[in-house]
Amino acid sequence: MFNYLKLIRLPNLIIIVLTQYLMRYSIINPIIGIYDFKLQMPDYLFALIVLSTVFIAAAGYVINDYFDRKIDQINKPGNVLIGQKINRRHAMTLHVVLNILGVVIGFYLAYVVKIYLLAFVYLVVTGLFWYYSTNYKRQFLIGNFIVAILTALVPLQIVLYENVFLLREYHELIQPITNIVFWWVAAFAFYAFITNLIREIIKDIEDFEGDNAYGRNSVPVILGLNTSKILIIILIVFTIAAVSYTYYYFIHDNYTLTYVLVAIILPLIGLIIQIIIGKNKKDFRRASIILKGIMFTGILYAILVQYLISYQLI
């Protein structure tokens, strides 16, 4: 059982669940509450959205490991699961079952909200995971962008569904508020996108040996280590600038300033230093872990937002 939980990346799935719950209850609910509006999407539908996301993400992790098993024998020989600790057929069966569950729930959600195009979106996402593992991951930057975009969809789909129900209940009365809510969640989605893009490139540096051996056109294979490090640093500086710009123009409380400095900007500066001095797989593994922590603190800012709104501090 432990090997299967490791295969589906249980900690990552927990973060997905936490992200979606925080978007709904720490961002959307407090903001609309300021104007005396209430959440309108039934709780069971929200739970189904979360379940569908978890199932499809877990299926994506499984198929990624399935097609990466040979490369992983070079990059991380002690952590290869499929073919060693988990039967290949069982892994593929798990992938299919998880995908079916995720897509069926997605079809039901599309039917409930009467936006049938959403059903197609769920199919596209599952297809992207498959083609990412079999094809896009081998292509320069395309795979990195796909993973980053799919990560950004995790918070975004919550506000998109919730806004549908809010607009149907309150009509034009709440439209300006739904716009505010959307941009708040979109800011979290963008943060998820850019930090995930950075982490994917860092992971490519970690996996350089195996990717190079099997002819993958990853960023470090094509650009080289030093240029890849420069690209990562540029993206980190851009992230710091984006976070600073958002605070300066839209949020002005001292609590946010302290949180952003301590939990996001200073760690990102530390990450730049780690990238500069990084020379081997272990160094970049450490950088990846640091960035994962920064991604997590970015999500947790939603809790502070809820507190600030509750006490009318923003």
Protein backbone atom coordinates (compact mmCIF):
# COMPACT_ATOMS: atom_id res chain seq x y z
CA MET A 1 0.00 0.00 0.00
CA PHE A 2 2.81 2.40 0.86
CA ASN A 3 4.31 1.98 -2.61
CA TYR A 4 0.99 2.86 -4.24
CA LEU A 5 0.62 5.97 -2.06
CA LYS A 6 4.14 6.95 -3.07
CA LEU A 7 3.30 6.32 -6.72
CA ILE A 8 0.30 8.67 -6.70
CA ARG A 9 2.29 11.33 -4.77
CA LEU A 10 0.00 11.48 -1.73
CA PRO A 11 1.64 14.67 -0.29
CA ASN A 12 1.07 16.47 -3.61
CA LEU A 13 -2.56 15.35 -3.67
CA ILE A 14 -3.04 16.67 -0.13
CA ILE A 15 -1.66 20.04 -1.28
CA ILE A 16 -4.13 20.02 -4.20
CA VAL A 17 -7.03 19.42 -1.78
CA LEU A 18 -5.75 22.11 0.60
CA THR A 19 -5.37 24.60 -2.25
CA GLN A 20 -8.92 24.13 -3.47
CA TYR A 21 -10.41 24.31 0.01
CA LEU A 22 -8.44 27.48 0.79
CA MET A 23 -9.57 29.11 -2.45
CA ARG A 24 -13.20 28.48 -1.59
CA TYR A 25 -13.30 29.08 2.14
CA SER A 26 -10.41 31.52 2.71
CA ILE A 27 -10.68 33.64 -0.46
CA ILE A 28 -14.06 33.40 -2.18
CA ASN A 29 -16.31 33.03 0.89
CA PRO A 30 -14.83 35.94 2.93
CA ILE A 31 -14.77 38.31 -0.06
CA ILE A 32 -18.39 37.77 -1.05
CA GLY A 33 -19.30 37.83 2.65
CA ILE A 34 -18.19 41.46 2.84
CA TYR A 35 -21.14 42.28 0.56
CA ASP A 36 -23.55 39.94 2.38
CA PHE A 37 -23.53 37.26 -0.32
CA LYS A 38 -23.20 33.53 0.39
CA LEU A 39 -21.64 30.59 -1.42
CA GLN A 40 -24.18 28.96 -3.72
CA MET A 41 -22.45 25.85 -5.03
CA PRO A 42 -23.63 22.80 -3.05
CA ASP A 43 -20.94 21.31 -0.83
CA TYR A 44 -21.25 17.89 -2.45
CA LEU A 45 -20.49 19.39 -5.87
CA PHE A 46 -17.44 21.13 -4.47
CA ALA A 47 -16.29 17.81 -2.98
CA LEU A 48 -16.76 16.18 -6.39
CA ILE A 49 -14.61 18.87 -8.05
CA VAL A 50 -11.86 18.15 -5.53
CA LEU A 51 -12.21 14.39 -6.04
CA SER A 52 -12.08 14.71 -9.80
CA THR A 53 -8.97 16.86 -9.59
CA VAL A 54 -7.28 14.40 -7.26
CA PHE A 55 -8.16 11.38 -9.41
CA ILE A 56 -6.90 12.96 -12.64
CA ALA A 57 -3.73 14.28 -10.99
CA ALA A 58 -3.01 10.89 -9.43
CA ALA A 59 -3.53 9.21 -12.81
CA GLY A 60 -1.07 11.70 -14.30
CA TYR A 61 1.57 10.84 -11.72
CA VAL A 62 1.13 7.13 -12.40
CA ILE A 63 1.46 7.38 -16.18
CA ASN A 64 4.45 9.71 -15.83
CA ASP A 65 6.30 7.14 -13.72
CA TYR A 66 5.19 4.34 -16.05
CA PHE A 67 6.91 5.88 -19.07
CA ASP A 68 9.85 7.26 -17.05
CA ARG A 69 10.90 4.00 -15.45
CA LYS A 70 13.99 3.50 -17.66
CA ILE A 71 15.19 7.08 -17.25
CA ASP A 72 14.48 6.93 -13.52
CA GLN A 73 16.82 3.96 -13.24
CA ILE A 74 19.57 6.45 -14.10
CA ASN A 75 18.23 9.57 -12.36
CA LYS A 76 16.91 7.98 -9.15
CA PRO A 77 17.70 4.24 -9.17
CA GLY A 78 16.62 3.71 -5.56
CA ASN A 79 13.14 5.19 -6.10
CA VAL A 80 11.86 3.31 -9.14
CA LEU A 81 8.50 1.76 -8.28
CA ILE A 82 6.90 0.50 -11.50
CA GLY A 83 8.48 -2.71 -12.72
CA GLN A 84 10.27 -3.28 -9.42
CA LYS A 85 7.89 -2.79 -6.51
CA ILE A 86 4.65 -2.40 -8.46
CA ASN A 87 3.60 -4.60 -11.38
CA ARG A 88 3.49 -2.67 -14.67
CA ARG A 89 0.03 -4.03 -15.51
CA HIS A 90 -1.29 -3.05 -12.09
CA ALA A 91 0.10 0.46 -12.53
CA MET A 92 -1.57 0.86 -15.92
CA THR A 93 -4.86 -0.48 -14.53
CA LEU A 94 -4.66 2.04 -11.69
CA HIS A 95 -4.03 4.83 -14.21
CA VAL A 96 -7.06 3.85 -16.29
CA VAL A 97 -9.38 3.50 -13.28
CA LEU A 98 -8.33 6.86 -11.80
CA ASN A 99 -8.79 8.58 -15.16
CA ILE A 100 -12.23 7.06 -15.69
CA LEU A 101 -13.35 8.13 -12.21
CA GLY A 102 -12.03 11.67 -12.74
CA VAL A 103 -13.59 12.08 -16.19
CA VAL A 104 -16.95 10.57 -15.21
CA ILE A 105 -17.18 12.99 -12.28
CA GLY A 106 -16.17 15.80 -14.65
CA PHE A 107 -18.94 14.85 -17.07
CA TYR A 108 -21.44 14.88 -14.21
CA LEU A 109 -20.25 18.33 -13.10
CA ALA A 110 -20.59 19.64 -16.65
CA TYR A 111 -24.13 18.26 -16.77
CA VAL A 112 -25.08 19.85 -13.42
CA VAL A 113 -23.82 23.32 -14.33
CA LYS A 114 -25.19 22.96 -17.91
CA ILE A 115 -21.83 23.93 -19.44
CA TYR A 116 -21.15 20.88 -21.55
CA LEU A 117 -17.87 22.21 -22.90
CA LEU A 118 -16.41 21.43 -19.46
CA ALA A 119 -16.73 17.73 -20.21
CA PHE A 120 -14.40 18.23 -23.15
CA VAL A 121 -11.95 20.09 -20.89
CA TYR A 122 -11.66 17.06 -18.59
CA LEU A 123 -10.87 14.87 -21.58
CA VAL A 124 -8.26 17.36 -22.80
CA VAL A 125 -6.57 17.44 -19.39
CA THR A 126 -6.31 13.66 -19.19
CA GLY A 127 -5.00 13.64 -22.75
CA LEU A 128 -2.40 16.28 -21.89
CA PHE A 129 -1.13 14.15 -19.01
CA TRP A 130 -0.77 11.18 -21.36
CA TYR A 131 0.95 13.11 -24.16
CA TYR A 132 3.11 14.94 -21.64
CA SER A 133 4.46 11.60 -20.41
CA THR A 134 4.86 10.06 -23.86
CA ASN A 135 5.82 13.03 -26.02
CA TYR A 136 5.74 16.59 -24.72
CA LYS A 137 8.16 15.85 -21.90
CA ARG A 138 10.81 15.16 -24.54
CA GLN A 139 10.35 18.56 -26.17
CA PHE A 140 12.07 21.78 -25.22
CA LEU A 141 10.03 23.75 -22.61
CA ILE A 142 6.65 22.43 -23.86
CA GLY A 143 6.36 19.84 -21.11
CA ASN A 144 7.40 22.38 -18.47
CA PHE A 145 4.68 24.81 -19.58
CA ILE A 146 2.03 22.08 -19.69
CA VAL A 147 2.70 21.04 -16.08
CA ALA A 148 2.71 24.69 -14.96
CA ILE A 149 -0.60 25.40 -16.73
CA LEU A 150 -2.27 22.30 -15.29
CA THR A 151 -1.09 23.35 -11.82
CA ALA A 152 -2.63 26.79 -12.30
CA LEU A 153 -5.97 25.16 -13.18
CA VAL A 154 -6.19 23.65 -9.67
CA PRO A 155 -7.26 26.92 -7.97
CA LEU A 156 -8.83 28.45 -11.08
CA GLN A 157 -11.49 25.80 -11.58
CA ILE A 158 -12.88 26.49 -8.09
CA VAL A 159 -13.59 30.14 -8.82
CA LEU A 160 -14.96 29.33 -12.29
CA TYR A 161 -17.49 26.85 -10.90
CA GLU A 162 -18.36 29.01 -7.90
CA ASN A 163 -18.93 32.09 -10.03
CA VAL A 164 -21.39 30.18 -12.22
CA PHE A 165 -23.60 29.46 -9.21
CA LEU A 166 -23.20 32.96 -7.76
CA LEU A 167 -24.21 34.63 -11.02
CA ARG A 168 -27.21 32.35 -11.44
CA GLU A 169 -28.45 33.15 -7.95
CA TYR A 170 -27.66 36.87 -7.67
CA HIS A 171 -27.41 37.84 -11.37
CA GLU A 172 -25.97 41.27 -12.15
CA LEU A 173 -25.99 42.26 -8.46
CA ILE A 174 -22.89 40.17 -7.80
CA GLN A 175 -21.10 40.47 -11.12
CA PRO A 176 -18.59 43.13 -9.94
CA ILE A 177 -17.85 40.96 -6.89
CA THR A 178 -17.30 37.83 -8.97
CA ASN A 179 -14.75 39.81 -10.98
CA ILE A 180 -12.90 40.71 -7.77
CA VAL A 181 -13.01 37.10 -6.60
CA PHE A 182 -11.73 35.86 -9.94
CA TRP A 183 -8.69 38.14 -9.91
CA TRP A 184 -7.83 37.18 -6.34
CA VAL A 185 -7.83 33.49 -7.23
CA ALA A 186 -6.12 34.21 -10.55
CA ALA A 187 -3.24 35.76 -8.60
CA PHE A 188 -2.80 32.49 -6.69
CA ALA A 189 -3.08 30.58 -9.97
CA PHE A 190 -0.36 32.71 -11.57
CA TYR A 191 1.89 32.19 -8.54
CA ALA A 192 1.31 28.44 -8.87
CA PHE A 193 2.11 28.64 -12.58
CA ILE A 194 5.36 30.57 -12.36
CA THR A 195 6.77 28.73 -9.33
CA ASN A 196 5.89 25.37 -10.88
CA LEU A 197 7.57 26.37 -14.13
CA ILE A 198 10.73 27.23 -12.19
CA ARG A 199 10.59 23.95 -10.29
CA GLU A 200 10.16 21.92 -13.47
CA ILE A 201 13.35 23.44 -14.91
CA ILE A 202 15.20 22.78 -11.65
CA LYS A 203 14.01 19.16 -11.77
CA ASP A 204 15.27 18.94 -15.36
CA ILE A 205 18.72 19.89 -14.11
CA GLU A 206 18.41 17.15 -11.47
CA ASP A 207 17.49 14.66 -14.19
CA PHE A 208 20.06 15.85 -16.71
CA GLU A 209 22.00 12.58 -16.82
CA GLY A 210 19.05 10.37 -17.67
CA ASP A 211 17.42 12.91 -20.01
CA ASN A 212 20.65 13.32 -21.92
CA ALA A 213 21.17 9.57 -22.17
CA TYR A 214 17.69 9.03 -23.64
CA GLY A 215 17.71 12.03 -25.98
CA ARG A 216 15.23 14.29 -24.22
CA ASN A 217 15.35 17.93 -25.26
CA SER A 218 15.05 19.35 -21.75
CA VAL A 219 16.18 22.89 -20.94
CA PRO A 220 19.61 21.92 -19.52
CA VAL A 221 20.23 19.42 -22.34
CA ILE A 222 19.58 22.10 -24.99
CA LEU A 223 20.87 25.23 -23.25
CA GLY A 224 23.48 23.79 -20.91
CA LEU A 225 23.73 24.07 -17.13
CA ASN A 226 24.90 27.70 -16.84
CA THR A 227 22.28 29.11 -19.23
CA SER A 228 19.57 27.06 -17.47
CA LYS A 229 20.64 28.55 -14.15
CA ILE A 230 20.44 32.06 -15.64
CA LEU A 231 16.94 31.31 -16.95
CA ILE A 232 15.84 30.08 -13.52
CA ILE A 233 17.25 33.18 -11.83
CA ILE A 234 15.45 35.45 -14.33
CA LEU A 235 12.16 33.66 -13.59
CA ILE A 236 12.73 33.95 -9.83
CA VAL A 237 13.47 37.68 -10.13
CA PHE A 238 10.32 38.05 -12.24
CA THR A 239 8.34 36.24 -9.50
CA ILE A 240 9.72 38.57 -6.83
CA ALA A 241 8.83 41.58 -9.02
CA ALA A 242 5.29 40.26 -9.65
CA VAL A 243 4.67 39.64 -5.94
CA SER A 244 6.06 43.08 -5.04
CA TYR A 245 3.97 44.78 -7.73
CA THR A 246 0.81 43.05 -6.50
CA TYR A 247 1.45 44.18 -2.94
CA TYR A 248 2.37 47.75 -3.88
CA TYR A 249 -0.64 48.40 -6.11
CA PHE A 250 -3.39 46.26 -4.59
CA ILE A 251 -2.62 45.31 -0.97
CA HIS A 252 -1.10 47.67 1.55
CA ASP A 253 -1.39 46.12 5.03
CA ASN A 254 1.68 45.50 7.19
CA TYR A 255 0.68 41.89 7.88
CA THR A 256 0.90 41.05 4.19
CA LEU A 257 4.16 42.95 3.85
CA THR A 258 5.72 40.96 6.69
CA TYR A 259 4.39 37.66 5.38
CA VAL A 260 5.50 38.29 1.80
CA LEU A 261 8.99 39.35 2.90
CA VAL A 262 9.56 36.51 5.36
CA ALA A 263 7.71 33.64 3.68
CA ILE A 264 8.19 34.39 -0.03
CA ILE A 265 10.73 37.06 -1.06
CA LEU A 266 13.58 36.21 1.34
CA PRO A 267 13.28 32.45 0.60
CA LEU A 268 13.28 33.24 -3.13
CA ILE A 269 16.48 35.24 -2.69
CA GLY A 270 17.90 32.28 -0.80
CA LEU A 271 16.84 30.07 -3.70
CA ILE A 272 18.76 32.30 -6.12
CA ILE A 273 21.88 31.81 -4.00
CA GLN A 274 21.31 28.05 -3.96
CA ILE A 275 20.97 28.01 -7.76
CA ILE A 276 24.15 30.06 -8.21
CA ILE A 277 26.27 27.80 -5.99
CA GLY A 278 24.57 24.58 -7.16
CA LYS A 279 26.89 22.16 -8.91
CA ASN A 280 25.50 18.65 -8.55
CA LYS A 281 22.24 16.69 -8.34
CA LYS A 282 22.13 17.00 -4.55
CA ASP A 283 22.38 20.81 -4.71
CA PHE A 284 19.50 21.08 -7.17
CA ARG A 285 17.44 18.57 -5.22
CA ARG A 286 17.82 20.91 -2.26
CA ALA A 287 16.77 23.85 -4.45
CA SER A 288 13.67 21.93 -5.56
CA ILE A 289 12.70 21.25 -1.94
CA ILE A 290 13.22 24.92 -1.02
CA LEU A 291 10.97 26.00 -3.89
CA LYS A 292 8.30 23.49 -2.91
CA GLY A 293 8.25 25.12 0.52
CA ILE A 294 7.93 28.56 -1.07
CA MET A 295 5.03 27.31 -3.19
CA PHE A 296 3.35 26.02 -0.03
CA THR A 297 3.76 29.30 1.87
CA GLY A 298 2.25 31.09 -1.13
CA ILE A 299 -0.86 28.92 -0.83
CA LEU A 300 -1.04 29.47 2.93
CA TYR A 301 -1.26 33.23 2.39
CA ALA A 302 -4.96 32.55 1.76
CA ILE A 303 -5.38 31.91 5.49
CA LEU A 304 -3.92 35.34 6.25
CA VAL A 305 -6.27 36.88 3.69
CA GLN A 306 -9.24 35.32 5.49
CA TYR A 307 -8.00 36.74 8.80
CA LEU A 308 -7.43 40.21 7.34
CA ILE A 309 -10.89 40.30 5.77
CA SER A 310 -12.54 39.04 8.96
CA TYR A 311 -11.00 41.91 10.94
CA GLN A 312 -11.45 44.43 8.10
CA LEU A 313 -7.72 45.03 7.80
CA ILE A 314 -7.75 45.03 3.99
